[in-house]
């Protein structure tokens, strides 16, 4: 085979590879599934996707920093453009809030002031996608402004106080001025625990992101 013929064959082969997926690797079923999930569950990041970055920033703020709450607001699904991570320093008796955005930017948006210490969350809590699915299967009706919060729930659920993934939405209420509903999912197992009801359209106890 001449050099010219060999080069032409290589060029044609490269074009075929590009047309079939760039590097010639077969399409990954896992990648396809992830793309489908993103289309169904929305763009953005889940609560755990940039958790390492949040924890690194927390330790930079205070070496003994503990995670006590994870939250987001006005979401349309379990993925969101940002998440809040509330952390505390037992040694200092202070708390602050970190905001992590989908582009990886981490900002300390809290006061860093004195606070009442809360039970720390386990580092291996189930992701927001798991909590969302469990609440949906239990009857949760998401609206256009869903609030998701993982924290120590002090009342209204079996075994309280206990850690809960709480999901709630005005779409899920019983009408103007009627109680809102909340849905508690176990952050350790991902199992639905109980539904809660607030009063007069007010957030449920503990639904302030803490």
C-alpha atoms as a PDB file:
ATOM      1  CA  UNK A   1       0.000   0.000   0.000  1.00  0.00           C
ATOM      2  CA  UNK A   2       1.392   3.390  -0.953  1.00  0.00           C
ATOM      3  CA  UNK A   3       1.782   6.177   1.577  1.00  0.00           C
ATOM      4  CA  UNK A   4      -0.901   8.214  -0.204  1.00  0.00           C
ATOM      5  CA  UNK A   5      -3.378   5.324  -0.160  1.00  0.00           C
ATOM      6  CA  UNK A   6      -2.680   4.593   3.519  1.00  0.00           C
ATOM      7  CA  UNK A   7      -3.189   8.258   4.482  1.00  0.00           C
ATOM      8  CA  UNK A   8      -6.460   8.398   2.565  1.00  0.00           C
ATOM      9  CA  UNK A   9      -7.710   5.283   4.355  1.00  0.00           C
ATOM     10  CA  UNK A  10      -6.768   6.755   7.734  1.00  0.00           C
ATOM     11  CA  UNK A  11      -8.587   9.971   6.907  1.00  0.00           C
ATOM     12  CA  UNK A  12     -11.763   8.108   5.930  1.00  0.00           C
ATOM     13  CA  UNK A  13     -11.520   5.996   9.103  1.00  0.00           C
ATOM     14  CA  UNK A  14     -11.213   9.132  11.250  1.00  0.00           C
ATOM     15  CA  UNK A  15     -14.316  10.627   9.625  1.00  0.00           C
ATOM     16  CA  UNK A  16     -16.292   7.445  10.289  1.00  0.00           C
ATOM     17  CA  UNK A  17     -15.199   7.465  13.927  1.00  0.00           C
ATOM     18  CA  UNK A  18     -16.336  11.052  14.332  1.00  0.00           C
ATOM     19  CA  UNK A  19     -19.701  10.276  12.803  1.00  0.00           C
ATOM     20  CA  UNK A  20     -20.149   7.306  15.136  1.00  0.00           C
ATOM     21  CA  UNK A  21     -19.366   9.089  18.383  1.00  0.00           C
ATOM     22  CA  UNK A  22     -16.130  11.019  18.272  1.00  0.00           C
ATOM     23  CA  UNK A  23     -13.612   8.612  19.723  1.00  0.00           C
ATOM     24  CA  UNK A  24     -15.074   5.432  18.392  1.00  0.00           C
ATOM     25  CA  UNK A  25     -16.305   4.270  21.812  1.00  0.00           C
ATOM     26  CA  UNK A  26     -19.743   2.629  21.781  1.00  0.00           C
ATOM     27  CA  UNK A  27     -22.547   4.637  23.345  1.00  0.00           C
ATOM     28  CA  UNK A  28     -22.689   4.013  27.082  1.00  0.00           C
ATOM     29  CA  UNK A  29     -26.079   2.777  28.377  1.00  0.00           C
ATOM     30  CA  UNK A  30     -25.275   4.460  31.711  1.00  0.00           C
ATOM     31  CA  UNK A  31     -24.575   7.721  29.905  1.00  0.00           C
ATOM     32  CA  UNK A  32     -27.833   7.445  27.985  1.00  0.00           C
ATOM     33  CA  UNK A  33     -29.720   6.772  31.213  1.00  0.00           C
ATOM     34  CA  UNK A  34     -28.109   9.786  32.876  1.00  0.00           C
ATOM     35  CA  UNK A  35     -29.100  11.983  29.942  1.00  0.00           C
ATOM     36  CA  UNK A  36     -32.680  10.712  30.143  1.00  0.00           C
ATOM     37  CA  UNK A  37     -32.768  11.345  33.888  1.00  0.00           C
ATOM     38  CA  UNK A  38     -31.535  14.893  33.401  1.00  0.00           C
ATOM     39  CA  UNK A  39     -34.234  15.532  30.804  1.00  0.00           C
ATOM     40  CA  UNK A  40     -36.882  14.197  33.176  1.00  0.00           C
ATOM     41  CA  UNK A  41     -35.577  15.667  36.417  1.00  0.00           C
ATOM     42  CA  UNK A  42     -34.230  18.985  35.189  1.00  0.00           C
ATOM     43  CA  UNK A  43     -30.869  20.626  34.721  1.00  0.00           C
ATOM     44  CA  UNK A  44     -28.511  21.715  37.475  1.00  0.00           C
ATOM     45  CA  UNK A  45     -26.880  19.739  40.250  1.00  0.00           C
ATOM     46  CA  UNK A  46     -28.169  17.398  42.916  1.00  0.00           C
ATOM     47  CA  UNK A  47     -27.509  17.954  46.596  1.00  0.00           C
ATOM     48  CA  UNK A  48     -24.536  15.582  46.609  1.00  0.00           C
ATOM     49  CA  UNK A  49     -22.839  16.373  43.297  1.00  0.00           C
ATOM     50  CA  UNK A  50     -20.713  19.209  44.675  1.00  0.00           C
ATOM     51  CA  UNK A  51     -20.855  18.169  48.336  1.00  0.00           C
ATOM     52  CA  UNK A  52     -17.055  17.607  48.489  1.00  0.00           C
ATOM     53  CA  UNK A  53     -16.518  21.218  47.413  1.00  0.00           C
ATOM     54  CA  UNK A  54     -18.953  22.411  50.075  1.00  0.00           C
ATOM     55  CA  UNK A  55     -17.239  20.377  52.801  1.00  0.00           C
ATOM     56  CA  UNK A  56     -13.803  21.609  51.745  1.00  0.00           C
ATOM     57  CA  UNK A  57     -15.012  25.206  52.017  1.00  0.00           C
ATOM     58  CA  UNK A  58     -16.567  24.397  55.393  1.00  0.00           C
ATOM     59  CA  UNK A  59     -13.264  23.054  56.730  1.00  0.00           C
ATOM     60  CA  UNK A  60     -11.512  26.153  55.417  1.00  0.00           C
ATOM     61  CA  UNK A  61     -13.965  28.232  57.451  1.00  0.00           C
ATOM     62  CA  UNK A  62     -13.489  26.106  60.594  1.00  0.00           C
ATOM     63  CA  UNK A  63     -11.431  22.903  60.877  1.00  0.00           C
ATOM     64  CA  UNK A  64     -14.117  21.232  63.013  1.00  0.00           C
ATOM     65  CA  UNK A  65     -17.012  22.295  60.751  1.00  0.00           C
ATOM     66  CA  UNK A  66     -20.036  19.982  60.724  1.00  0.00           C
ATOM     67  CA  UNK A  67     -22.815  19.876  58.142  1.00  0.00           C
ATOM     68  CA  UNK A  68     -26.218  20.460  59.746  1.00  0.00           C
ATOM     69  CA  UNK A  69     -28.532  21.323  56.823  1.00  0.00           C
ATOM     70  CA  UNK A  70     -28.820  21.208  53.048  1.00  0.00           C
ATOM     71  CA  UNK A  71     -31.508  23.185  51.256  1.00  0.00           C
ATOM     72  CA  UNK A  72     -32.705  24.862  48.101  1.00  0.00           C
ATOM     73  CA  UNK A  73     -35.757  26.891  47.199  1.00  0.00           C
ATOM     74  CA  UNK A  74     -37.907  27.638  44.175  1.00  0.00           C
ATOM     75  CA  UNK A  75     -36.784  24.439  42.467  1.00  0.00           C
ATOM     76  CA  UNK A  76     -38.721  22.611  39.785  1.00  0.00           C
ATOM     77  CA  UNK A  77     -37.066  19.270  40.481  1.00  0.00           C
ATOM     78  CA  UNK A  78     -34.351  17.518  42.500  1.00  0.00           C
ATOM     79  CA  UNK A  79     -31.648  19.248  40.468  1.00  0.00           C
ATOM     80  CA  UNK A  80     -31.115  22.922  41.060  1.00  0.00           C
ATOM     81  CA  UNK A  81     -28.786  25.703  39.960  1.00  0.00           C
ATOM     82  CA  UNK A  82     -27.539  26.083  43.559  1.00  0.00           C
ATOM     83  CA  UNK A  83     -27.673  24.502  47.007  1.00  0.00           C
ATOM     84  CA  UNK A  84     -27.191  25.934  50.479  1.00  0.00           C
ATOM     85  CA  UNK A  85     -25.077  24.015  52.998  1.00  0.00           C
ATOM     86  CA  UNK A  86     -25.394  25.134  56.625  1.00  0.00           C
ATOM     87  CA  UNK A  87     -22.378  24.294  58.766  1.00  0.00           C
ATOM     88  CA  UNK A  88     -21.449  24.813  62.394  1.00  0.00           C
ATOM     89  CA  UNK A  89     -18.282  24.876  64.441  1.00  0.00           C
ATOM     90  CA  UNK A  90     -18.809  23.284  67.886  1.00  0.00           C
ATOM     91  CA  UNK A  91     -15.489  24.712  69.070  1.00  0.00           C
ATOM     92  CA  UNK A  92     -16.474  28.265  68.156  1.00  0.00           C
ATOM     93  CA  UNK A  93     -20.211  27.932  68.764  1.00  0.00           C
ATOM     94  CA  UNK A  94     -20.773  29.611  65.391  1.00  0.00           C
ATOM     95  CA  UNK A  95     -22.625  28.817  62.178  1.00  0.00           C
ATOM     96  CA  UNK A  96     -22.473  29.929  58.578  1.00  0.00           C
ATOM     97  CA  UNK A  97     -24.079  29.109  55.245  1.00  0.00           C
ATOM     98  CA  UNK A  98     -22.299  28.148  52.050  1.00  0.00           C
ATOM     99  CA  UNK A  99     -23.886  28.502  48.625  1.00  0.00           C
ATOM    100  CA  UNK A 100     -22.613  26.160  45.941  1.00  0.00           C
ATOM    101  CA  UNK A 101     -23.636  26.871  42.356  1.00  0.00           C
ATOM    102  CA  UNK A 102     -23.784  24.477  39.437  1.00  0.00           C
ATOM    103  CA  UNK A 103     -20.685  26.034  37.881  1.00  0.00           C
ATOM    104  CA  UNK A 104     -18.679  25.052  40.976  1.00  0.00           C
ATOM    105  CA  UNK A 105     -18.548  28.495  42.591  1.00  0.00           C
ATOM    106  CA  UNK A 106     -18.680  28.344  46.392  1.00  0.00           C
ATOM    107  CA  UNK A 107     -19.593  31.430  48.433  1.00  0.00           C
ATOM    108  CA  UNK A 108     -19.868  31.930  52.170  1.00  0.00           C
ATOM    109  CA  UNK A 109     -23.194  33.778  52.405  1.00  0.00           C
ATOM    110  CA  UNK A 110     -23.808  33.268  56.132  1.00  0.00           C
ATOM    111  CA  UNK A 111     -23.040  35.506  59.071  1.00  0.00           C
ATOM    112  CA  UNK A 112     -20.608  33.183  60.814  1.00  0.00           C
ATOM    113  CA  UNK A 113     -22.172  34.321  64.059  1.00  0.00           C
ATOM    114  CA  UNK A 114     -23.062  32.587  67.294  1.00  0.00           C
ATOM    115  CA  UNK A 115     -25.842  30.030  67.007  1.00  0.00           C
ATOM    116  CA  UNK A 116     -27.614  27.159  68.714  1.00  0.00           C
ATOM    117  CA  UNK A 117     -25.790  23.987  67.723  1.00  0.00           C
ATOM    118  CA  UNK A 118     -27.764  21.329  65.804  1.00  0.00           C
ATOM    119  CA  UNK A 119     -27.234  17.577  65.363  1.00  0.00           C
ATOM    120  CA  UNK A 120     -24.773  16.968  62.529  1.00  0.00           C
ATOM    121  CA  UNK A 121     -25.944  15.214  59.377  1.00  0.00           C
ATOM    122  CA  UNK A 122     -24.402  11.934  58.215  1.00  0.00           C
ATOM    123  CA  UNK A 123     -22.029  12.438  55.308  1.00  0.00           C
ATOM    124  CA  UNK A 124     -23.612   9.596  53.309  1.00  0.00           C
ATOM    125  CA  UNK A 125     -27.191  10.914  53.145  1.00  0.00           C
ATOM    126  CA  UNK A 126     -29.249   9.900  50.093  1.00  0.00           C
ATOM    127  CA  UNK A 127     -29.274  12.393  47.248  1.00  0.00           C
ATOM    128  CA  UNK A 128     -32.069  14.802  46.406  1.00  0.00           C
ATOM    129  CA  UNK A 129     -33.108  12.647  43.435  1.00  0.00           C
ATOM    130  CA  UNK A 130     -33.805   9.730  45.783  1.00  0.00           C
ATOM    131  CA  UNK A 131     -35.794  11.886  48.207  1.00  0.00           C
ATOM    132  CA  UNK A 132     -37.768  13.399  45.324  1.00  0.00           C
ATOM    133  CA  UNK A 133     -38.734  10.010  43.917  1.00  0.00           C
ATOM    134  CA  UNK A 134     -39.761   8.649  47.325  1.00  0.00           C
ATOM    135  CA  UNK A 135     -41.947  11.690  48.040  1.00  0.00           C
ATOM    136  CA  UNK A 136     -43.535  11.534  44.568  1.00  0.00           C
ATOM    137  CA  UNK A 137     -44.393   7.874  45.060  1.00  0.00           C
ATOM    138  CA  UNK A 138     -45.974   8.777  48.415  1.00  0.00           C
ATOM    139  CA  UNK A 139     -48.211  11.434  46.830  1.00  0.00           C
ATOM    140  CA  UNK A 140     -46.143  14.610  46.748  1.00  0.00           C
ATOM    141  CA  UNK A 141     -47.377  17.054  44.078  1.00  0.00           C
ATOM    142  CA  UNK A 142     -44.554  19.346  42.944  1.00  0.00           C
ATOM    143  CA  UNK A 143     -45.405  22.813  41.768  1.00  0.00           C
ATOM    144  CA  UNK A 144     -43.227  25.434  40.149  1.00  0.00           C
ATOM    145  CA  UNK A 145     -41.516  26.404  43.395  1.00  0.00           C
ATOM    146  CA  UNK A 146     -40.577  23.350  45.410  1.00  0.00           C
ATOM    147  CA  UNK A 147     -38.567  23.701  48.577  1.00  0.00           C
ATOM    148  CA  UNK A 148     -36.233  20.874  49.564  1.00  0.00           C
ATOM    149  CA  UNK A 149     -34.414  20.775  52.882  1.00  0.00           C
ATOM    150  CA  UNK A 150     -32.435  18.144  54.726  1.00  0.00           C
ATOM    151  CA  UNK A 151     -32.105  18.843  58.435  1.00  0.00           C
ATOM    152  CA  UNK A 152     -33.095  17.729  61.905  1.00  0.00           C
ATOM    153  CA  UNK A 153     -36.899  17.799  62.067  1.00  0.00           C
ATOM    154  CA  UNK A 154     -37.972  18.631  65.590  1.00  0.00           C
ATOM    155  CA  UNK A 155     -41.654  17.669  65.496  1.00  0.00           C
ATOM    156  CA  UNK A 156     -44.433  16.148  63.443  1.00  0.00           C
ATOM    157  CA  UNK A 157     -42.766  12.890  62.361  1.00  0.00           C
ATOM    158  CA  UNK A 158     -42.350   9.512  64.067  1.00  0.00           C
ATOM    159  CA  UNK A 159     -39.230   9.418  66.196  1.00  0.00           C
ATOM    160  CA  UNK A 160     -38.757  13.193  66.132  1.00  0.00           C
ATOM    161  CA  UNK A 161     -36.389  14.851  66.489  1.00  0.00           C
ATOM    162  CA  UNK A 162     -34.838  13.062  63.542  1.00  0.00           C
ATOM    163  CA  UNK A 163     -33.117  13.903  60.296  1.00  0.00           C
ATOM    164  CA  UNK A 164     -35.518  14.329  57.375  1.00  0.00           C
ATOM    165  CA  UNK A 165     -35.399  15.195  53.738  1.00  0.00           C
ATOM    166  CA  UNK A 166     -38.420  17.518  53.637  1.00  0.00           C
ATOM    167  CA  UNK A 167     -40.146  18.464  50.402  1.00  0.00           C
ATOM    168  CA  UNK A 168     -43.016  20.894  50.121  1.00  0.00           C
ATOM    169  CA  UNK A 169     -44.741  23.032  47.523  1.00  0.00           C
ATOM    170  CA  UNK A 170     -47.688  25.422  47.386  1.00  0.00           C
ATOM    171  CA  UNK A 171     -49.029  23.267  44.586  1.00  0.00           C
ATOM    172  CA  UNK A 172     -49.362  20.515  47.173  1.00  0.00           C
ATOM    173  CA  UNK A 173     -51.622  22.502  49.536  1.00  0.00           C
ATOM    174  CA  UNK A 174     -55.386  22.231  49.859  1.00  0.00           C
ATOM    175  CA  UNK A 175     -56.086  25.674  48.445  1.00  0.00           C
ATOM    176  CA  UNK A 176     -55.549  29.322  49.407  1.00  0.00           C
ATOM    177  CA  UNK A 177     -55.061  29.681  53.147  1.00  0.00           C
ATOM    178  CA  UNK A 178     -55.232  25.924  53.694  1.00  0.00           C
ATOM    179  CA  UNK A 179     -52.490  23.876  55.341  1.00  0.00           C
ATOM    180  CA  UNK A 180     -49.461  22.990  53.302  1.00  0.00           C
ATOM    181  CA  UNK A 181     -48.161  19.451  53.191  1.00  0.00           C
ATOM    182  CA  UNK A 182     -44.638  18.282  53.808  1.00  0.00           C
ATOM    183  CA  UNK A 183     -43.123  14.944  52.955  1.00  0.00           C
ATOM    184  CA  UNK A 184     -40.398  13.456  55.158  1.00  0.00           C
ATOM    185  CA  UNK A 185     -37.964  10.995  53.591  1.00  0.00           C
ATOM    186  CA  UNK A 186     -35.344   9.139  55.639  1.00  0.00           C
ATOM    187  CA  UNK A 187     -31.927  10.455  54.525  1.00  0.00           C
ATOM    188  CA  UNK A 188     -30.246   7.192  55.487  1.00  0.00           C
ATOM    189  CA  UNK A 189     -32.444   4.692  53.616  1.00  0.00           C
ATOM    190  CA  UNK A 190     -34.369   6.882  51.178  1.00  0.00           C
ATOM    191  CA  UNK A 191     -37.663   5.498  52.498  1.00  0.00           C
ATOM    192  CA  UNK A 192     -40.739   7.704  52.898  1.00  0.00           C
ATOM    193  CA  UNK A 193     -41.458   8.299  56.602  1.00  0.00           C
ATOM    194  CA  UNK A 194     -44.541  10.489  56.965  1.00  0.00           C
ATOM    195  CA  UNK A 195     -46.453  13.441  55.595  1.00  0.00           C
ATOM    196  CA  UNK A 196     -46.861  16.598  57.634  1.00  0.00           C
ATOM    197  CA  UNK A 197     -49.330  19.457  57.560  1.00  0.00           C
ATOM    198  CA  UNK A 198     -48.761  23.108  58.351  1.00  0.00           C
ATOM    199  CA  UNK A 199     -51.422  25.703  59.030  1.00  0.00           C
ATOM    200  CA  UNK A 200     -52.853  28.718  57.200  1.00  0.00           C
ATOM    201  CA  UNK A 201     -50.438  28.453  54.327  1.00  0.00           C
ATOM    202  CA  UNK A 202     -47.418  28.748  56.601  1.00  0.00           C
ATOM    203  CA  UNK A 203     -44.266  26.653  56.294  1.00  0.00           C
ATOM    204  CA  UNK A 204     -44.117  23.537  58.398  1.00  0.00           C
ATOM    205  CA  UNK A 205     -42.088  23.519  61.620  1.00  0.00           C
ATOM    206  CA  UNK A 206     -38.416  23.526  60.779  1.00  0.00           C
ATOM    207  CA  UNK A 207     -38.956  24.454  57.112  1.00  0.00           C
ATOM    208  CA  UNK A 208     -36.644  27.434  57.248  1.00  0.00           C
ATOM    209  CA  UNK A 209     -33.660  25.618  55.767  1.00  0.00           C
ATOM    210  CA  UNK A 210     -32.397  24.518  59.183  1.00  0.00           C
END
